[in-house]
Amino acid sequence: MHEILVYINNFFQSLGIVGLAINAFIEGCLPGFPLPPDVLMSAMDIAKPHNAMWYALLCTLGSVTGGAFGFGVGFFGGRPLFNYLFRKHIDKLDAVEKMYAEYGSFAVFFAAFTPIPYNVFAIASGILKMNIWKFLLASFFGRGARFFLVSLVLMFFGEAVKKYIDVLILAGTALLIIFGIVLFAYKKRLSAVLKKGGSNGDN
């Protein structure tokens, strides 16, 4: 499996920026794809740090375009197609639906930034008929935050911090989780206050 991944990565790398865009597109719409574009992008950032921001933008646009394709697959194919093509991920679709019910478009942003499979969320967004503009906006900012963060760090610190990139993303994920919990608690409290105010008004 490792040799296959190395071969795929080398193939994308041989195509240069086109390979990076293709890698990002495929990862954005195909659940189970084993090679995130971060790997190739990181190597390119270190090789040419002056182009790091360009690579991050290209990666973001490629991934979001792939996500939009996945959204279309989910929107027009629905659950039957998802169940047929991605049998191993059926349980993830149910989990995504629950996250949408609680967090809305923030769930897409969260998946786009964190190691959670963004592609599953992309297809699920189409199945659940999420607003396409909210999906694209959340995807762009989530994917962009991830790729630009990685590229910025590598542009300034290079190879020395490459092994800490995963830790950096996990730290960002932890902050997002804390933010999500605070936001959810605030919304629940606000809803309770408004409900109580409405009840008093009726009385």
N, C-alpha and C. Protein backbone atom coordinates (compact mmCIF):
# COMPACT_ATOMS: atom_id res chain seq x y z
N MET A 1 0.83 -1.20 0.00
CA MET A 1 0.00 0.00 0.00
C MET A 1 0.87 1.26 0.00
N HIS A 2 1.94 1.20 0.78
CA HIS A 2 2.85 2.34 0.85
C HIS A 2 3.47 2.62 -0.51
N GLU A 3 3.85 1.55 -1.22
CA GLU A 3 4.45 1.73 -2.54
C GLU A 3 3.46 2.33 -3.52
N ILE A 4 2.18 1.93 -3.39
CA ILE A 4 1.15 2.48 -4.27
C ILE A 4 0.97 3.97 -4.02
N LEU A 5 0.95 4.34 -2.73
CA LEU A 5 0.80 5.75 -2.37
C LEU A 5 1.98 6.58 -2.89
N VAL A 6 3.18 6.02 -2.76
CA VAL A 6 4.37 6.72 -3.26
C VAL A 6 4.28 6.89 -4.78
N TYR A 7 3.81 5.86 -5.45
CA TYR A 7 3.67 5.92 -6.92
C TYR A 7 2.67 7.00 -7.32
N ILE A 8 1.49 7.01 -6.64
CA ILE A 8 0.46 8.01 -6.95
C ILE A 8 0.98 9.42 -6.68
N ASN A 9 1.66 9.58 -5.55
CA ASN A 9 2.21 10.90 -5.21
C ASN A 9 3.25 11.35 -6.23
N ASN A 10 4.11 10.42 -6.64
CA ASN A 10 5.13 10.75 -7.64
C ASN A 10 4.51 11.11 -8.99
N PHE A 11 3.40 10.42 -9.31
CA PHE A 11 2.71 10.72 -10.57
C PHE A 11 2.15 12.14 -10.54
N PHE A 12 1.45 12.49 -9.46
CA PHE A 12 0.92 13.85 -9.34
C PHE A 12 2.05 14.87 -9.34
N GLN A 13 3.15 14.53 -8.66
CA GLN A 13 4.28 15.45 -8.57
C GLN A 13 4.90 15.69 -9.93
N SER A 14 4.90 14.66 -10.78
CA SER A 14 5.48 14.80 -12.12
C SER A 14 4.68 15.77 -12.99
N LEU A 15 3.41 16.00 -12.61
CA LEU A 15 2.55 16.90 -13.37
C LEU A 15 2.63 18.34 -12.86
N GLY A 16 3.39 18.56 -11.79
CA GLY A 16 3.55 19.90 -11.24
C GLY A 16 2.27 20.45 -10.64
N ILE A 17 1.99 21.73 -10.92
CA ILE A 17 0.81 22.38 -10.33
C ILE A 17 -0.49 21.75 -10.84
N VAL A 18 -0.47 21.20 -12.05
CA VAL A 18 -1.65 20.51 -12.57
C VAL A 18 -1.93 19.27 -11.73
N GLY A 19 -0.87 18.55 -11.38
CA GLY A 19 -1.01 17.37 -10.53
C GLY A 19 -1.55 17.72 -9.16
N LEU A 20 -1.10 18.85 -8.61
CA LEU A 20 -1.59 19.30 -7.31
C LEU A 20 -3.09 19.59 -7.37
N ALA A 21 -3.52 20.27 -8.43
CA ALA A 21 -4.93 20.60 -8.61
C ALA A 21 -5.77 19.33 -8.76
N ILE A 22 -5.27 18.37 -9.54
CA ILE A 22 -5.99 17.11 -9.75
C ILE A 22 -6.09 16.33 -8.44
N ASN A 23 -4.98 16.27 -7.72
CA ASN A 23 -4.93 15.59 -6.43
C ASN A 23 -5.97 16.19 -5.47
N ALA A 24 -6.02 17.52 -5.41
CA ALA A 24 -6.96 18.21 -4.53
C ALA A 24 -8.40 17.96 -4.96
N PHE A 25 -8.64 17.96 -6.27
CA PHE A 25 -9.99 17.73 -6.79
C PHE A 25 -10.49 16.34 -6.42
N ILE A 26 -9.66 15.33 -6.67
CA ILE A 26 -10.06 13.95 -6.41
C ILE A 26 -10.32 13.74 -4.92
N GLU A 27 -9.42 14.26 -4.08
CA GLU A 27 -9.58 14.11 -2.63
C GLU A 27 -10.83 14.84 -2.14
N GLY A 28 -11.24 15.88 -2.86
CA GLY A 28 -12.41 16.65 -2.44
C GLY A 28 -13.73 15.97 -2.71
N CYS A 29 -13.74 14.95 -3.58
CA CYS A 29 -15.03 14.33 -3.94
C CYS A 29 -15.07 12.81 -3.82
N LEU A 30 -13.93 12.18 -3.54
CA LEU A 30 -13.90 10.72 -3.53
C LEU A 30 -13.61 10.18 -2.13
N PRO A 31 -14.64 9.69 -1.42
CA PRO A 31 -14.43 9.11 -0.08
C PRO A 31 -13.47 7.92 -0.14
N GLY A 32 -12.57 7.86 0.82
CA GLY A 32 -11.63 6.76 0.88
C GLY A 32 -10.35 6.99 0.10
N PHE A 33 -10.25 8.12 -0.63
CA PHE A 33 -9.01 8.39 -1.38
C PHE A 33 -7.88 8.58 -0.38
N PRO A 34 -6.82 7.79 -0.51
CA PRO A 34 -5.81 7.72 0.57
C PRO A 34 -4.74 8.80 0.59
N LEU A 35 -4.74 9.70 -0.40
CA LEU A 35 -3.62 10.65 -0.48
C LEU A 35 -4.12 12.09 -0.44
N PRO A 36 -4.13 12.72 0.76
CA PRO A 36 -4.55 14.12 0.85
C PRO A 36 -3.56 15.02 0.11
N PRO A 37 -4.03 16.12 -0.46
CA PRO A 37 -3.14 17.01 -1.23
C PRO A 37 -2.10 17.70 -0.38
N ASP A 38 -2.29 17.68 0.96
CA ASP A 38 -1.31 18.30 1.86
C ASP A 38 0.10 17.75 1.65
N VAL A 39 0.18 16.44 1.32
CA VAL A 39 1.48 15.79 1.18
C VAL A 39 2.26 16.41 0.03
N LEU A 40 1.63 16.48 -1.14
CA LEU A 40 2.29 17.05 -2.32
C LEU A 40 2.51 18.55 -2.14
N MET A 41 1.50 19.24 -1.61
CA MET A 41 1.62 20.68 -1.41
C MET A 41 2.78 21.01 -0.48
N SER A 42 2.94 20.24 0.58
CA SER A 42 4.03 20.48 1.54
C SER A 42 5.40 20.35 0.86
N ALA A 43 5.55 19.32 0.03
CA ALA A 43 6.82 19.12 -0.68
C ALA A 43 7.09 20.29 -1.62
N MET A 44 6.05 20.76 -2.28
CA MET A 44 6.21 21.89 -3.21
C MET A 44 6.49 23.18 -2.45
N ASP A 45 5.87 23.35 -1.28
CA ASP A 45 6.13 24.53 -0.45
C ASP A 45 7.59 24.61 -0.03
N ILE A 46 8.12 23.47 0.37
CA ILE A 46 9.51 23.42 0.84
C ILE A 46 10.48 23.65 -0.32
N ALA A 47 10.13 23.09 -1.50
CA ALA A 47 11.02 23.23 -2.66
C ALA A 47 11.02 24.67 -3.18
N LYS A 48 9.86 25.31 -3.19
CA LYS A 48 9.75 26.69 -3.68
C LYS A 48 8.88 27.52 -2.73
N PRO A 49 9.45 27.91 -1.59
CA PRO A 49 8.66 28.64 -0.59
C PRO A 49 8.07 29.96 -1.09
N HIS A 50 8.68 30.57 -2.09
CA HIS A 50 8.16 31.83 -2.63
C HIS A 50 6.84 31.63 -3.37
N ASN A 51 6.52 30.36 -3.71
CA ASN A 51 5.26 30.04 -4.39
C ASN A 51 4.23 29.42 -3.45
N ALA A 52 4.53 29.38 -2.16
CA ALA A 52 3.69 28.66 -1.20
C ALA A 52 2.24 29.14 -1.19
N MET A 53 2.03 30.45 -1.24
CA MET A 53 0.67 30.99 -1.20
C MET A 53 -0.10 30.61 -2.47
N TRP A 54 0.60 30.57 -3.59
CA TRP A 54 -0.02 30.17 -4.85
C TRP A 54 -0.44 28.70 -4.78
N TYR A 55 0.43 27.85 -4.20
CA TYR A 55 0.09 26.44 -4.07
C TYR A 55 -1.12 26.25 -3.14
N ALA A 56 -1.17 27.03 -2.08
CA ALA A 56 -2.29 26.93 -1.14
C ALA A 56 -3.60 27.32 -1.81
N LEU A 57 -3.56 28.39 -2.60
CA LEU A 57 -4.77 28.84 -3.31
C LEU A 57 -5.21 27.79 -4.33
N LEU A 58 -4.25 27.26 -5.08
CA LEU A 58 -4.55 26.25 -6.08
C LEU A 58 -5.16 25.00 -5.44
N CYS A 59 -4.59 24.61 -4.31
CA CYS A 59 -5.07 23.45 -3.57
C CYS A 59 -6.50 23.70 -3.06
N THR A 60 -6.74 24.90 -2.56
CA THR A 60 -8.06 25.25 -2.05
C THR A 60 -9.10 25.21 -3.16
N LEU A 61 -8.79 25.85 -4.29
CA LEU A 61 -9.73 25.89 -5.40
C LEU A 61 -9.99 24.49 -5.98
N GLY A 62 -8.94 23.69 -6.08
CA GLY A 62 -9.09 22.32 -6.58
C GLY A 62 -9.96 21.49 -5.66
N SER A 63 -9.73 21.60 -4.36
CA SER A 63 -10.48 20.81 -3.38
C SER A 63 -11.95 21.24 -3.34
N VAL A 64 -12.20 22.55 -3.35
CA VAL A 64 -13.58 23.05 -3.31
C VAL A 64 -14.32 22.67 -4.59
N THR A 65 -13.62 22.71 -5.73
CA THR A 65 -14.24 22.29 -6.99
C THR A 65 -14.61 20.81 -6.92
N GLY A 66 -13.70 20.01 -6.35
CA GLY A 66 -14.01 18.59 -6.14
C GLY A 66 -15.19 18.41 -5.21
N GLY A 67 -15.23 19.23 -4.16
CA GLY A 67 -16.35 19.18 -3.23
C GLY A 67 -17.66 19.54 -3.91
N ALA A 68 -17.62 20.54 -4.81
CA ALA A 68 -18.82 20.94 -5.55
C ALA A 68 -19.29 19.80 -6.46
N PHE A 69 -18.33 19.07 -7.04
CA PHE A 69 -18.68 17.91 -7.86
C PHE A 69 -19.35 16.85 -6.99
N GLY A 70 -18.77 16.60 -5.82
CA GLY A 70 -19.37 15.64 -4.88
C GLY A 70 -20.76 16.08 -4.45
N PHE A 71 -20.92 17.39 -4.23
CA PHE A 71 -22.24 17.95 -3.89
C PHE A 71 -23.24 17.61 -4.98
N GLY A 72 -22.84 17.79 -6.24
CA GLY A 72 -23.72 17.47 -7.36
C GLY A 72 -24.09 16.00 -7.40
N VAL A 73 -23.11 15.13 -7.13
CA VAL A 73 -23.37 13.69 -7.09
C VAL A 73 -24.43 13.36 -6.04
N GLY A 74 -24.27 13.97 -4.86
CA GLY A 74 -25.23 13.74 -3.79
C GLY A 74 -26.60 14.34 -4.09
N PHE A 75 -26.60 15.54 -4.68
CA PHE A 75 -27.85 16.25 -4.95
C PHE A 75 -28.70 15.49 -5.96
N PHE A 76 -28.07 15.01 -7.03
CA PHE A 76 -28.83 14.35 -8.11
C PHE A 76 -28.94 12.84 -7.91
N GLY A 77 -27.96 12.25 -7.22
CA GLY A 77 -27.99 10.80 -7.03
C GLY A 77 -28.71 10.37 -5.77
N GLY A 78 -28.66 11.21 -4.73
CA GLY A 78 -29.36 10.92 -3.48
C GLY A 78 -28.75 9.76 -2.70
N ARG A 79 -29.45 9.34 -1.68
CA ARG A 79 -28.98 8.26 -0.81
C ARG A 79 -28.74 6.94 -1.54
N PRO A 80 -29.62 6.55 -2.47
CA PRO A 80 -29.39 5.25 -3.15
C PRO A 80 -28.03 5.16 -3.83
N LEU A 81 -27.64 6.25 -4.51
CA LEU A 81 -26.34 6.25 -5.20
C LEU A 81 -25.20 6.21 -4.18
N PHE A 82 -25.33 7.00 -3.09
CA PHE A 82 -24.30 7.01 -2.06
C PHE A 82 -24.15 5.61 -1.45
N ASN A 83 -25.28 4.97 -1.15
CA ASN A 83 -25.25 3.63 -0.54
C ASN A 83 -24.64 2.61 -1.49
N TYR A 84 -24.86 2.81 -2.79
CA TYR A 84 -24.33 1.86 -3.78
C TYR A 84 -22.83 2.04 -3.98
N LEU A 85 -22.39 3.29 -4.08
CA LEU A 85 -20.98 3.56 -4.37
C LEU A 85 -20.08 3.48 -3.15
N PHE A 86 -20.62 3.88 -1.98
CA PHE A 86 -19.78 4.01 -0.80
C PHE A 86 -20.37 3.23 0.39
N ARG A 87 -20.51 1.93 0.21
CA ARG A 87 -21.14 1.09 1.23
C ARG A 87 -20.44 1.20 2.58
N LYS A 88 -19.13 1.34 2.54
CA LYS A 88 -18.35 1.37 3.79
C LYS A 88 -18.54 2.68 4.56
N HIS A 89 -19.15 3.67 3.93
CA HIS A 89 -19.29 4.99 4.56
C HIS A 89 -20.74 5.34 4.90
N ILE A 90 -21.65 4.36 4.82
CA ILE A 90 -23.07 4.63 5.08
C ILE A 90 -23.28 5.19 6.48
N ASP A 91 -22.56 4.61 7.47
CA ASP A 91 -22.71 5.09 8.85
C ASP A 91 -22.25 6.54 9.00
N LYS A 92 -21.28 6.97 8.16
CA LYS A 92 -20.79 8.35 8.23
C LYS A 92 -21.85 9.33 7.75
N LEU A 93 -22.67 8.90 6.79
CA LEU A 93 -23.73 9.78 6.29
C LEU A 93 -24.72 10.11 7.40
N ASP A 94 -25.06 9.11 8.21
CA ASP A 94 -25.97 9.34 9.34
C ASP A 94 -25.36 10.31 10.34
N ALA A 95 -24.05 10.15 10.58
CA ALA A 95 -23.36 11.05 11.52
C ALA A 95 -23.33 12.48 10.99
N VAL A 96 -23.11 12.61 9.67
CA VAL A 96 -23.10 13.93 9.05
C VAL A 96 -24.46 14.60 9.19
N GLU A 97 -25.52 13.83 8.98
CA GLU A 97 -26.87 14.38 9.08
C GLU A 97 -27.15 14.92 10.48
N LYS A 98 -26.66 14.23 11.49
CA LYS A 98 -26.84 14.69 12.87
C LYS A 98 -26.06 15.98 13.12
N MET A 99 -24.85 16.07 12.56
CA MET A 99 -24.04 17.28 12.73
C MET A 99 -24.70 18.48 12.06
N TYR A 100 -25.29 18.23 10.87
CA TYR A 100 -26.00 19.31 10.19
C TYR A 100 -27.16 19.83 11.02
N ALA A 101 -27.88 18.89 11.64
CA ALA A 101 -29.04 19.26 12.43
C ALA A 101 -28.65 20.19 13.58
N GLU A 102 -27.43 20.02 14.12
CA GLU A 102 -27.00 20.81 15.27
C GLU A 102 -26.21 22.06 14.88
N TYR A 103 -25.33 21.92 13.85
CA TYR A 103 -24.38 23.01 13.57
C TYR A 103 -24.56 23.69 12.21
N GLY A 104 -25.40 23.15 11.34
CA GLY A 104 -25.62 23.77 10.04
C GLY A 104 -24.35 23.82 9.20
N SER A 105 -24.12 24.94 8.51
CA SER A 105 -22.98 25.06 7.60
C SER A 105 -21.64 25.04 8.32
N PHE A 106 -21.63 25.30 9.64
CA PHE A 106 -20.38 25.23 10.40
C PHE A 106 -19.81 23.81 10.35
N ALA A 107 -20.70 22.81 10.20
CA ALA A 107 -20.25 21.42 10.10
C ALA A 107 -19.38 21.23 8.86
N VAL A 108 -19.73 21.90 7.76
CA VAL A 108 -18.93 21.81 6.53
C VAL A 108 -17.57 22.47 6.75
N PHE A 109 -17.57 23.66 7.34
CA PHE A 109 -16.33 24.36 7.63
C PHE A 109 -15.42 23.48 8.51
N PHE A 110 -16.01 22.86 9.53
CA PHE A 110 -15.26 22.01 10.45
C PHE A 110 -14.63 20.84 9.70
N ALA A 111 -15.41 20.19 8.83
CA ALA A 111 -14.89 19.05 8.07
C ALA A 111 -13.83 19.49 7.07
N ALA A 112 -14.01 20.69 6.50
CA ALA A 112 -13.05 21.19 5.50
C ALA A 112 -11.69 21.50 6.12
N PHE A 113 -11.68 21.86 7.39
CA PHE A 113 -10.41 22.23 8.04
C PHE A 113 -9.74 21.04 8.71
N THR A 114 -10.52 20.19 9.31
CA THR A 114 -9.98 19.11 10.15
C THR A 114 -9.71 17.83 9.35
N PRO A 115 -9.14 16.82 10.00
CA PRO A 115 -8.91 15.53 9.32
C PRO A 115 -10.18 14.74 9.02
N ILE A 116 -11.35 15.22 9.48
CA ILE A 116 -12.61 14.56 9.15
C ILE A 116 -12.76 14.53 7.63
N PRO A 117 -13.24 13.41 7.04
CA PRO A 117 -13.36 13.32 5.57
C PRO A 117 -14.27 14.39 4.98
N TYR A 118 -13.68 15.40 4.37
CA TYR A 118 -14.44 16.49 3.77
C TYR A 118 -15.31 15.99 2.62
N ASN A 119 -14.79 15.00 1.86
CA ASN A 119 -15.53 14.51 0.69
C ASN A 119 -16.87 13.89 1.06
N VAL A 120 -16.91 13.20 2.21
CA VAL A 120 -18.19 12.62 2.66
C VAL A 120 -19.19 13.73 2.97
N PHE A 121 -18.69 14.80 3.60
CA PHE A 121 -19.55 15.94 3.90
C PHE A 121 -20.03 16.62 2.61
N ALA A 122 -19.16 16.66 1.60
CA ALA A 122 -19.53 17.28 0.33
C ALA A 122 -20.70 16.55 -0.31
N ILE A 123 -20.59 15.23 -0.40
CA ILE A 123 -21.67 14.43 -1.00
C ILE A 123 -22.92 14.49 -0.13
N ALA A 124 -22.74 14.39 1.18
CA ALA A 124 -23.87 14.46 2.10
C ALA A 124 -24.59 15.79 2.01
N SER A 125 -23.85 16.86 1.78
CA SER A 125 -24.45 18.20 1.65
C SER A 125 -25.44 18.24 0.49
N GLY A 126 -25.06 17.57 -0.60
CA GLY A 126 -25.96 17.50 -1.75
C GLY A 126 -27.18 16.65 -1.46
N ILE A 127 -26.96 15.51 -0.80
CA ILE A 127 -28.07 14.62 -0.46
C ILE A 127 -29.07 15.31 0.45
N LEU A 128 -28.56 16.08 1.40
CA LEU A 128 -29.42 16.76 2.37
C LEU A 128 -29.93 18.10 1.87
N LYS A 129 -29.62 18.41 0.58
CA LYS A 129 -30.12 19.62 -0.08
C LYS A 129 -29.74 20.90 0.68
N MET A 130 -28.46 20.95 1.10
CA MET A 130 -27.96 22.16 1.74
C MET A 130 -27.87 23.28 0.70
N ASN A 131 -28.00 24.51 1.13
CA ASN A 131 -27.86 25.64 0.23
C ASN A 131 -26.46 25.62 -0.40
N ILE A 132 -26.40 25.61 -1.72
CA ILE A 132 -25.13 25.46 -2.43
C ILE A 132 -24.15 26.58 -2.11
N TRP A 133 -24.66 27.81 -1.96
CA TRP A 133 -23.77 28.94 -1.69
C TRP A 133 -23.18 28.87 -0.29
N LYS A 134 -23.99 28.43 0.67
CA LYS A 134 -23.47 28.24 2.03
C LYS A 134 -22.42 27.14 2.05
N PHE A 135 -22.68 26.08 1.28
CA PHE A 135 -21.73 24.98 1.19
C PHE A 135 -20.40 25.45 0.61
N LEU A 136 -20.45 26.18 -0.51
CA LEU A 136 -19.23 26.65 -1.17
C LEU A 136 -18.46 27.62 -0.28
N LEU A 137 -19.18 28.50 0.39
CA LEU A 137 -18.53 29.49 1.26
C LEU A 137 -17.84 28.80 2.44
N ALA A 138 -18.55 27.88 3.09
CA ALA A 138 -17.97 27.15 4.22
C ALA A 138 -16.79 26.31 3.76
N SER A 139 -16.91 25.71 2.59
CA SER A 139 -15.83 24.89 2.04
C SER A 139 -14.60 25.72 1.73
N PHE A 140 -14.82 26.89 1.09
CA PHE A 140 -13.69 27.73 0.71
C PHE A 140 -12.91 28.21 1.94
N PHE A 141 -13.63 28.68 2.95
CA PHE A 141 -12.94 29.18 4.14
C PHE A 141 -12.31 28.05 4.95
N GLY A 142 -12.99 26.90 5.01
CA GLY A 142 -12.44 25.77 5.75
C GLY A 142 -11.21 25.17 5.10
N ARG A 143 -11.32 24.88 3.80
CA ARG A 143 -10.17 24.35 3.06
C ARG A 143 -9.04 25.37 2.99
N GLY A 144 -9.43 26.64 2.75
CA GLY A 144 -8.42 27.69 2.66
C GLY A 144 -7.66 27.85 3.95
N ALA A 145 -8.38 27.84 5.09
CA ALA A 145 -7.73 27.97 6.39
C ALA A 145 -6.72 26.85 6.59
N ARG A 146 -7.08 25.64 6.19
CA ARG A 146 -6.18 24.49 6.37
C ARG A 146 -4.94 24.62 5.49
N PHE A 147 -5.15 24.81 4.19
CA PHE A 147 -4.02 24.81 3.26
C PHE A 147 -3.12 26.03 3.41
N PHE A 148 -3.71 27.20 3.67
CA PHE A 148 -2.90 28.40 3.84
C PHE A 148 -2.11 28.35 5.15
N LEU A 149 -2.69 27.74 6.18
CA LEU A 149 -1.97 27.59 7.45
C LEU A 149 -0.73 26.73 7.25
N VAL A 150 -0.92 25.59 6.57
CA VAL A 150 0.21 24.69 6.31
C VAL A 150 1.27 25.38 5.47
N SER A 151 0.85 26.05 4.40
CA SER A 151 1.81 26.70 3.50
C SER A 151 2.55 27.86 4.17
N LEU A 152 1.84 28.62 4.99
CA LEU A 152 2.48 29.73 5.69
C LEU A 152 3.58 29.23 6.63
N VAL A 153 3.26 28.19 7.38
CA VAL A 153 4.25 27.64 8.32
C VAL A 153 5.47 27.12 7.57
N LEU A 154 5.23 26.36 6.49
CA LEU A 154 6.35 25.81 5.73
C LEU A 154 7.13 26.89 4.99
N MET A 155 6.44 27.94 4.56
CA MET A 155 7.12 29.03 3.85
C MET A 155 8.14 29.72 4.76
N PHE A 156 7.78 29.87 6.04
CA PHE A 156 8.66 30.59 6.96
C PHE A 156 9.66 29.67 7.68
N PHE A 157 9.26 28.41 7.92
CA PHE A 157 10.12 27.54 8.73
C PHE A 157 10.65 26.32 7.98
N GLY A 158 10.06 26.01 6.84
CA GLY A 158 10.59 24.95 5.99
C GLY A 158 10.57 23.55 6.58
N GLU A 159 11.55 22.76 6.15
CA GLU A 159 11.63 21.35 6.51
C GLU A 159 11.65 21.11 8.01
N ALA A 160 12.19 22.06 8.77
CA ALA A 160 12.36 21.87 10.21
C ALA A 160 11.04 21.62 10.95
N VAL A 161 9.93 22.15 10.42
CA VAL A 161 8.64 22.00 11.12
C VAL A 161 7.68 21.06 10.39
N LYS A 162 8.13 20.44 9.31
CA LYS A 162 7.24 19.60 8.51
C LYS A 162 6.60 18.50 9.35
N LYS A 163 7.38 17.90 10.23
CA LYS A 163 6.85 16.79 11.04
C LYS A 163 5.86 17.25 12.09
N TYR A 164 5.76 18.56 12.30
CA TYR A 164 4.82 19.08 13.30
C TYR A 164 3.51 19.60 12.69
N ILE A 165 3.38 19.46 11.37
CA ILE A 165 2.19 19.96 10.69
C ILE A 165 0.92 19.28 11.21
N ASP A 166 0.98 17.96 11.38
CA ASP A 166 -0.19 17.23 11.89
C ASP A 166 -0.59 17.73 13.27
N VAL A 167 0.41 18.01 14.09
CA VAL A 167 0.14 18.53 15.45
C VAL A 167 -0.52 19.90 15.35
N LEU A 168 -0.06 20.71 14.41
CA LEU A 168 -0.63 22.04 14.21
C LEU A 168 -2.10 21.96 13.80
N ILE A 169 -2.40 21.05 12.87
CA ILE A 169 -3.78 20.87 12.42
C ILE A 169 -4.66 20.35 13.55
N LEU A 170 -4.11 19.43 14.35
CA LEU A 170 -4.87 18.91 15.50
C LEU A 170 -5.14 20.01 16.52
N ALA A 171 -4.16 20.90 16.71
CA ALA A 171 -4.36 22.01 17.63
C ALA A 171 -5.46 22.94 17.12
N GLY A 172 -5.43 23.20 15.81
CA GLY A 172 -6.49 24.00 15.20
C GLY A 172 -7.84 23.33 15.31
N THR A 173 -7.86 22.01 15.16
CA THR A 173 -9.10 21.24 15.30
C THR A 173 -9.65 21.37 16.71
N ALA A 174 -8.76 21.28 17.70
CA ALA A 174 -9.19 21.41 19.10
C ALA A 174 -9.82 22.77 19.36
N LEU A 175 -9.20 23.81 18.79
CA LEU A 175 -9.75 25.17 18.95
C LEU A 175 -11.12 25.29 18.29
N LEU A 176 -11.28 24.65 17.12
CA LEU A 176 -12.57 24.68 16.45
C LEU A 176 -13.64 23.95 17.26
N ILE A 177 -13.25 22.82 17.86
CA ILE A 177 -14.20 22.08 18.69
C ILE A 177 -14.66 22.93 19.87
N ILE A 178 -13.70 23.58 20.52
CA ILE A 178 -14.04 24.46 21.65
C ILE A 178 -14.96 25.58 21.18
N PHE A 179 -14.62 26.17 20.03
CA PHE A 179 -15.46 27.25 19.49
C PHE A 179 -16.86 26.74 19.18
N GLY A 180 -16.93 25.54 18.60
CA GLY A 180 -18.23 24.94 18.27
C GLY A 180 -19.08 24.69 19.50
N ILE A 181 -18.44 24.19 20.55
CA ILE A 181 -19.16 23.92 21.79
C ILE A 181 -19.70 25.22 22.40
N VAL A 182 -18.84 26.25 22.41
CA VAL A 182 -19.26 27.55 22.95
C VAL A 182 -20.40 28.13 22.13
N LEU A 183 -20.28 28.04 20.80
CA LEU A 183 -21.32 28.57 19.92
C LEU A 183 -22.64 27.83 20.12
N PHE A 184 -22.54 26.50 20.23
CA PHE A 184 -23.74 25.69 20.42
C PHE A 184 -24.40 26.01 21.76
N ALA A 185 -23.60 26.16 22.81
CA ALA A 185 -24.14 26.49 24.13
C ALA A 185 -24.80 27.86 24.12
N TYR A 186 -24.18 28.81 23.41
CA TYR A 186 -24.74 30.16 23.31
C TYR A 186 -26.09 30.14 22.59
N LYS A 187 -26.15 29.38 21.48
CA LYS A 187 -27.40 29.30 20.72
C LYS A 187 -28.50 28.65 21.55
N LYS A 188 -28.14 27.62 22.31
CA LYS A 188 -29.13 26.95 23.15
C LYS A 188 -29.64 27.90 24.22
N ARG A 189 -28.73 28.65 24.83
CA ARG A 189 -29.11 29.60 25.88
C ARG A 189 -29.98 30.72 25.32
N LEU A 190 -29.59 31.23 24.14
CA LEU A 190 -30.36 32.29 23.50
C LEU A 190 -31.76 31.81 23.15
N SER A 191 -31.83 30.58 22.64
CA SER A 191 -33.13 30.00 22.29
C SER A 191 -34.02 29.86 23.52
N ALA A 192 -33.39 29.42 24.65
CA ALA A 192 -34.16 29.25 25.89
C ALA A 192 -34.67 30.59 26.41
N VAL A 193 -33.81 31.63 26.31
CA VAL A 193 -34.21 32.97 26.76
C VAL A 193 -35.36 33.51 25.93
N LEU A 194 -35.26 33.36 24.61
CA LEU A 194 -36.30 33.84 23.72
C LEU A 194 -37.60 33.09 23.94
N LYS A 195 -37.48 31.79 24.17
CA LYS A 195 -38.66 30.97 24.42
C LYS A 195 -39.33 31.38 25.71
N LYS A 196 -38.50 31.64 26.73
CA LYS A 196 -39.05 32.06 28.02
C LYS A 196 -39.71 33.43 27.91
N GLY A 197 -39.07 34.33 27.14
CA GLY A 197 -39.64 35.65 26.92
C GLY A 197 -40.97 35.58 26.21
N GLY A 198 -41.06 34.65 25.22
CA GLY A 198 -42.31 34.47 24.50
C GLY A 198 -43.42 33.95 25.38
N SER A 199 -43.03 33.03 26.28
CA SER A 199 -44.01 32.47 27.20
C SER A 199 -44.55 33.54 28.14
N ASN A 200 -43.67 34.42 28.63
CA ASN A 200 -44.09 35.50 29.54
C ASN A 200 -44.99 36.47 28.79
N GLY A 201 -44.72 36.70 27.51
CA GLY A 201 -45.53 37.61 26.74
C GLY A 201 -46.94 37.07 26.55
N ASP A 202 -47.02 35.74 26.38
CA ASP A 202 -48.34 35.12 26.20
C ASP A 202 -49.17 35.25 27.47
N ASN A 203 -48.45 35.20 28.62
CA ASN A 203 -49.16 35.30 29.88
C ASN A 203 -49.59 36.75 30.14
